[in-house]
Protein backbone atom coordinates (compact mmCIF):
# COMPACT_ATOMS: atom_id res chain seq x y z
CA MET A 1 -160.11 128.44 -2.32
CA ARG A 2 -163.08 126.84 -4.03
CA SER A 3 -162.92 126.21 -7.74
CA SER A 4 -163.81 129.02 -10.08
CA ASN A 5 -162.86 127.15 -13.20
CA PRO A 6 -165.57 125.64 -15.41
CA VAL A 7 -163.50 122.54 -16.13
CA PHE A 8 -161.99 121.53 -12.80
CA SER A 9 -163.04 121.86 -9.16
CA ARG A 10 -160.12 122.42 -6.86
CA ARG A 11 -160.04 122.21 -3.09
CA GLY A 12 -157.59 125.01 -2.45
CA PHE A 13 -157.29 126.50 1.02
CA SER A 14 -159.11 123.49 2.44
CA ARG A 15 -158.18 120.76 4.84
CA SER A 16 -160.54 117.85 5.55
CA GLY A 17 -163.47 119.60 3.95
CA GLY A 18 -163.00 122.80 5.95
CA TYR A 19 -160.98 125.92 5.37
CA ALA A 20 -157.36 126.36 6.20
CA GLY A 21 -156.29 128.29 9.23
CA PHE A 22 -153.82 128.20 12.05
CA GLY A 23 -155.07 126.63 15.25
CA ALA A 24 -158.64 125.64 15.99
CA ALA A 25 -161.51 126.70 13.76
CA PRO A 26 -163.73 129.50 15.07
CA GLN A 27 -166.86 128.35 16.86
CA ALA A 28 -170.36 129.44 15.98
CA GLY A 29 -171.08 132.85 17.39
CA SER A 30 -167.42 133.81 17.65
CA PRO A 31 -166.32 137.22 16.35
CA VAL A 32 -164.81 135.72 13.20
CA ALA A 33 -167.50 133.25 12.15
CA GLY A 34 -169.06 134.35 8.85
CA GLN A 35 -167.96 137.99 9.11
CA GLY A 36 -166.04 138.65 5.94
CA ASN A 37 -163.69 135.69 6.33
CA PRO A 38 -164.23 133.29 3.40
CA TYR A 39 -162.25 130.64 5.25
CA ALA A 40 -164.43 130.55 8.36
CA GLY A 41 -167.56 128.98 6.82
CA GLY A 42 -170.99 130.47 6.29
CA ASN A 43 -171.56 133.13 3.66
CA PRO A 44 -168.11 134.30 2.57
CA TYR A 45 -169.38 137.65 1.39
CA ALA A 46 -171.81 138.62 4.17
CA GLN A 47 -170.29 141.34 6.33
CA THR A 48 -172.28 142.74 9.18
CA GLN A 49 -169.19 144.08 10.96
CA PRO A 50 -165.67 144.97 9.87
CA PRO A 51 -163.73 141.71 9.39
CA THR A 52 -161.32 140.73 12.14
CA ASN A 53 -158.11 138.78 11.88
CA PRO A 54 -159.12 135.09 11.86
CA TYR A 55 -155.62 133.95 12.69
CA ALA A 56 -155.05 135.93 15.87
CA ALA A 57 -155.92 134.11 19.07
CA GLY A 58 -158.33 135.21 21.79
CA ASP A 59 -158.47 138.87 22.74
CA GLN A 60 -155.63 139.76 20.37
CA GLN A 61 -157.91 139.63 17.33
CA ASN A 62 -158.74 143.33 17.29
CA LEU A 63 -155.35 144.66 18.31
CA THR A 64 -153.50 146.91 15.90
CA PRO A 65 -149.87 146.24 14.89
CA GLU A 66 -148.82 149.17 17.11
CA GLN A 67 -150.54 147.61 20.13
CA LEU A 68 -148.98 144.24 19.41
CA GLN A 69 -145.57 145.89 19.17
CA GLN A 70 -146.07 147.52 22.57
CA MET A 71 -147.10 144.18 24.08
CA TYR A 72 -144.22 142.13 22.74
CA GLY A 73 -141.56 144.77 22.17
CA ALA A 74 -141.14 143.78 18.51
CA PRO A 75 -143.15 144.19 15.31
CA PRO A 76 -145.58 141.38 14.49
CA ALA A 77 -144.36 138.71 12.10
CA GLY A 78 -145.08 139.35 8.44
CA PRO A 79 -146.21 136.90 5.75
CA LEU A 80 -142.68 135.67 5.07
CA GLN A 81 -142.15 134.78 8.72
CA THR A 82 -145.52 133.07 9.18
CA GLY A 83 -145.53 131.18 5.87
CA ARG A 84 -148.61 132.92 4.54
CA MET A 85 -149.42 133.63 0.91
CA THR A 86 -148.42 136.96 -0.60
CA MET A 87 -149.17 138.60 -3.93
CA ASP A 88 -145.53 138.10 -4.93
CA ASP A 89 -145.96 134.36 -4.38
CA VAL A 90 -148.99 134.29 -6.67
CA VAL A 91 -147.23 136.32 -9.38
CA MET A 92 -144.13 134.10 -9.25
CA ARG A 93 -146.07 130.81 -9.38
CA THR A 94 -148.35 132.08 -12.13
CA GLY A 95 -145.32 133.18 -14.15
CA MET A 96 -143.76 129.73 -13.77
CA THR A 97 -146.98 127.94 -14.76
CA LEU A 98 -147.79 130.15 -17.74
CA GLY A 99 -144.12 130.13 -18.77
CA THR A 100 -144.22 126.34 -18.90
CA VAL A 101 -147.35 126.47 -21.07
CA ILE A 102 -145.74 128.94 -23.48
CA VAL A 103 -142.44 127.04 -23.77
CA ALA A 104 -144.21 123.71 -24.33
CA ALA A 105 -146.50 125.28 -26.95
CA ALA A 106 -143.48 126.74 -28.76
CA VAL A 107 -141.74 123.35 -28.77
CA ALA A 108 -144.85 121.63 -30.16
CA TRP A 109 -145.21 124.33 -32.83
CA ILE A 110 -141.57 124.19 -33.94
CA ALA A 111 -141.44 120.38 -33.88
CA GLN A 112 -144.74 120.21 -35.80
CA LEU A 113 -146.08 117.44 -33.58
CA PRO A 114 -148.95 115.44 -35.11
CA VAL A 115 -152.53 116.09 -34.10
CA GLY A 116 -152.77 112.73 -32.33
CA VAL A 117 -149.92 113.68 -30.01
CA GLY A 118 -151.62 116.97 -29.24
CA PHE A 119 -154.90 115.36 -28.23
CA GLY A 120 -153.02 112.76 -26.21
CA ALA A 121 -151.28 115.59 -24.37
CA ALA A 122 -154.67 117.22 -23.76
CA LEU A 123 -155.94 113.99 -22.18
CA VAL A 124 -152.89 113.73 -19.92
CA ALA A 125 -153.28 117.39 -18.91
CA MET A 126 -156.93 116.79 -18.02
CA VAL A 127 -156.04 113.77 -15.86
CA LEU A 128 -153.28 115.67 -14.04
CA GLY A 129 -155.61 118.60 -13.46
CA LEU A 130 -158.32 116.32 -12.05
CA VAL A 131 -155.85 114.55 -9.76
CA GLN A 132 -154.68 117.89 -8.36
CA SER A 133 -158.28 119.04 -7.98
CA PHE A 134 -159.18 116.10 -5.75
CA LYS A 135 -155.95 116.02 -3.74
CA ARG A 136 -156.09 117.40 -0.22
CA THR A 137 -152.60 118.83 -0.55
CA VAL A 138 -151.01 121.05 -3.17
CA SER A 139 -148.62 119.34 -5.59
CA PRO A 140 -146.48 121.78 -7.62
CA ALA A 141 -145.26 118.83 -9.73
CA LEU A 142 -148.82 118.04 -10.83
CA ILE A 143 -149.52 121.68 -11.66
CA ILE A 144 -146.32 122.07 -13.68
CA GLY A 145 -147.03 118.74 -15.37
CA TYR A 146 -150.49 119.96 -16.30
CA ALA A 147 -148.98 123.16 -17.73
CA LEU A 148 -146.44 121.16 -19.75
CA PHE A 149 -148.97 118.87 -21.44
CA GLU A 150 -151.54 121.63 -21.85
CA GLY A 151 -148.88 123.68 -23.61
CA LEU A 152 -148.12 120.81 -26.00
CA PHE A 153 -151.81 120.57 -26.86
CA LEU A 154 -152.10 124.33 -27.40
CA GLY A 155 -149.07 124.30 -29.66
CA VAL A 156 -150.52 121.54 -31.84
CA ILE A 157 -154.06 122.95 -32.04
CA SER A 158 -152.71 126.45 -32.73
CA GLN A 159 -150.66 125.11 -35.61
CA VAL A 160 -153.77 123.39 -37.06
CA TYR A 161 -155.70 126.66 -36.95
CA ASN A 162 -152.77 128.62 -38.37
CA GLU A 163 -152.49 126.34 -41.38
CA ARG A 164 -156.06 127.16 -42.34
CA TRP A 165 -156.29 130.77 -41.11
CA SER A 166 -152.85 132.30 -41.12
CA GLY A 167 -152.08 134.49 -38.09
CA ILE A 168 -155.12 133.47 -36.06
CA PRO A 169 -153.14 132.15 -33.03
CA MET A 170 -151.46 135.53 -32.52
CA GLN A 171 -154.83 137.26 -32.75
CA ALA A 172 -156.18 134.90 -30.09
CA VAL A 173 -153.15 135.55 -27.86
CA LEU A 174 -153.61 139.32 -28.15
CA GLY A 175 -157.32 138.91 -27.47
CA THR A 176 -156.60 136.83 -24.35
CA MET A 177 -154.20 139.48 -23.06
CA ALA A 178 -156.80 142.17 -23.71
CA VAL A 179 -159.46 140.22 -21.80
CA PHE A 180 -157.06 139.67 -18.89
CA VAL A 181 -156.16 143.36 -18.62
CA GLY A 182 -159.77 144.46 -19.08
CA VAL A 183 -161.07 142.14 -16.35
CA LEU A 184 -158.26 143.12 -13.99
CA VAL A 185 -158.99 146.84 -14.44
CA ALA A 186 -162.74 146.27 -14.07
CA TYR A 187 -162.16 144.22 -10.91
CA LYS A 188 -159.76 146.70 -9.32
CA THR A 189 -162.10 149.62 -10.05
CA ARG A 190 -165.04 147.56 -8.72
CA LEU A 191 -166.94 147.65 -12.01
CA ILE A 192 -167.14 143.90 -11.44
CA ARG A 193 -168.24 142.90 -7.94
CA VAL A 194 -167.68 139.24 -7.18
CA ASN A 195 -170.21 138.20 -4.55
CA ALA A 196 -172.14 135.03 -3.77
CA ARG A 197 -174.90 135.81 -6.28
CA PHE A 198 -172.32 136.47 -9.01
CA GLN A 199 -170.64 133.14 -8.31
CA ARG A 200 -173.89 131.16 -8.33
CA PHE A 201 -174.95 132.70 -11.63
CA VAL A 202 -171.60 132.09 -13.34
CA LEU A 203 -171.35 128.50 -12.11
CA ALA A 204 -174.89 127.73 -13.30
CA ALA A 205 -174.20 129.33 -16.70
CA ALA A 206 -170.93 127.39 -17.05
CA ILE A 207 -172.62 124.07 -16.28
CA GLY A 208 -175.30 124.75 -18.90
CA PHE A 209 -172.66 125.83 -21.43
CA LEU A 210 -170.55 122.71 -20.90
CA LEU A 211 -173.59 120.42 -21.16
CA LEU A 212 -174.58 121.98 -24.49
CA MET A 213 -171.04 121.71 -25.82
CA THR A 214 -170.85 118.06 -24.74
CA VAL A 215 -174.12 117.25 -26.50
CA ASN A 216 -172.91 119.08 -29.62
CA LEU A 217 -169.65 117.10 -29.54
CA LEU A 218 -171.51 113.79 -29.24
CA PHE A 219 -173.76 114.64 -32.19
CA ALA A 220 -170.71 115.65 -34.22
CA ALA A 221 -168.87 112.44 -33.32
CA PHE A 222 -171.73 110.09 -34.23
CA GLY A 223 -173.65 112.15 -36.79
CA GLY A 224 -170.84 113.92 -38.59
CA GLY A 225 -170.54 117.59 -39.46
CA ASP A 226 -170.71 120.12 -36.64
CA GLY A 227 -173.34 118.35 -34.60
CA LEU A 228 -176.11 120.74 -33.60
CA GLY A 229 -174.29 123.72 -35.09
CA PHE A 230 -173.32 125.33 -31.78
CA ARG A 231 -169.73 125.85 -32.96
CA SER A 232 -170.24 127.25 -36.46
CA GLY A 233 -172.18 129.97 -38.22
CA GLY A 234 -174.38 132.39 -36.32
CA LEU A 235 -174.88 130.07 -33.34
CA GLY A 236 -171.13 129.50 -33.23
CA ILE A 237 -170.54 133.25 -32.89
CA VAL A 238 -173.11 133.53 -30.11
CA PHE A 239 -171.71 130.59 -28.16
CA GLY A 240 -168.15 131.77 -28.79
CA ILE A 241 -168.95 135.15 -27.24
CA VAL A 242 -170.70 133.43 -24.32
CA GLY A 243 -167.61 131.25 -23.81
CA VAL A 244 -165.29 134.27 -23.70
CA VAL A 245 -167.60 136.09 -21.27
CA LEU A 246 -167.71 133.03 -19.01
CA GLY A 247 -163.93 132.82 -19.07
CA ALA A 248 -163.71 136.49 -18.13
CA ALA A 249 -166.16 135.92 -15.25
CA PHE A 250 -164.10 133.03 -13.92
CA LEU A 251 -161.00 135.20 -14.21
CA ALA A 252 -162.69 137.80 -11.98
CA MET A 253 -163.52 135.06 -9.48
CA ASP A 254 -159.86 133.97 -9.53
CA PHE A 255 -158.83 137.56 -8.72
CA LYS A 256 -161.27 137.57 -5.80
CA GLN A 257 -159.89 134.29 -4.46
CA VAL A 258 -156.31 135.57 -4.69
CA GLU A 259 -157.29 138.79 -2.91
CA ASP A 260 -159.05 136.88 -0.13
CA GLY A 261 -156.20 134.40 0.23
CA VAL A 262 -153.66 137.19 0.72
CA ARG A 263 -155.96 139.19 3.02
CA TYR A 264 -156.80 136.30 5.33
CA GLY A 265 -153.39 134.68 5.43
CA ALA A 266 -153.82 131.48 3.44
CA PRO A 267 -150.79 129.14 3.57
CA ARG A 268 -148.09 130.05 1.08
CA GLU A 269 -148.32 126.80 -0.87
CA GLU A 270 -151.87 127.73 -1.85
CA SER A 271 -150.36 130.27 -4.26
CA TRP A 272 -149.78 127.28 -6.55
CA LEU A 273 -153.55 126.71 -6.66
CA ALA A 274 -154.06 130.37 -7.45
CA ALA A 275 -151.64 130.02 -10.37
CA PHE A 276 -153.41 126.83 -11.45
CA GLY A 277 -156.80 128.56 -11.51
CA LEU A 278 -155.54 131.59 -13.42
CA THR A 279 -153.87 129.34 -16.00
CA LEU A 280 -157.05 127.30 -16.49
CA SER A 281 -159.10 130.45 -17.05
CA LEU A 282 -156.61 131.93 -19.52
CA VAL A 283 -156.40 128.67 -21.50
CA TRP A 284 -160.21 128.57 -21.62
CA ILE A 285 -160.36 132.14 -22.97
CA TYR A 286 -157.64 131.48 -25.56
CA LEU A 287 -159.38 128.40 -26.95
CA GLU A 288 -162.74 130.17 -27.12
CA LEU A 289 -161.17 133.13 -28.93
CA LEU A 290 -159.40 130.77 -31.32
CA ARG A 291 -162.72 129.22 -32.27
CA LEU A 292 -164.56 132.56 -32.40
CA ILE A 293 -162.00 134.30 -34.60
CA SER A 294 -161.92 131.32 -36.97
CA ILE A 295 -165.69 131.65 -37.48
CA PHE A 296 -165.31 135.33 -38.33
CA ARG A 297 -162.43 134.54 -40.68
CA GLU A 298 -164.51 131.84 -42.35
């Protein structure tokens, strides 16, 4: 699972620079190379023939479950028996990760932690996220640790915004939920089609967006005020909307990666990376909405 988050690049579903599978990787020209299997290399979205099962060996690739049952006298092993990722795994891990974020944010809000502690927690969360992104193996402890410190930061920054614009954090939460549901419905009904061109465009737009925000932050830090004005006034509204749209696009890419991981039998532990990516995208959307709504309230 390649990264679809504008902040971190994660290696999910990969081993030694390749893609995860069971047994040897398909050779060039084999029936599974580049034909709809995003974990077999090549163009992950080019399908010239119906995709085959990349994890079945030899001539068994195109056999149906009924044919396999006749051959072996028993039904083929399901995801639970083979240790492959399922949608239930993704939902459970995502619930645990987001639950940790919410609980930590509530603790920070109730305890009224100082702003310095919040930004320190944000720095720790960023480091943990980067470490997980460059690890070759999945570490649930790192992902939960990221969620914990990210939640502390969100609790502190939400309290800061609430003191100036009462009720704005709840508005941002409702907006984030609305974006999540809207993107999910659009993805399931195929109003949004995540293909290679879509991914290239979104990644390029995210890189440009982050560069502009970094330059604006540097000008604000050394020149005072709001830097180049990208986060206030009319430009702030424009860039806030762009930020939310980018977050929604990365959310759609996360849905695509989860769908592909389940379809092609990614290892079960990769569901933690799916939860990590979804959490990153939702945090991104929440922070952009927090900023955008504050500009409107101003």
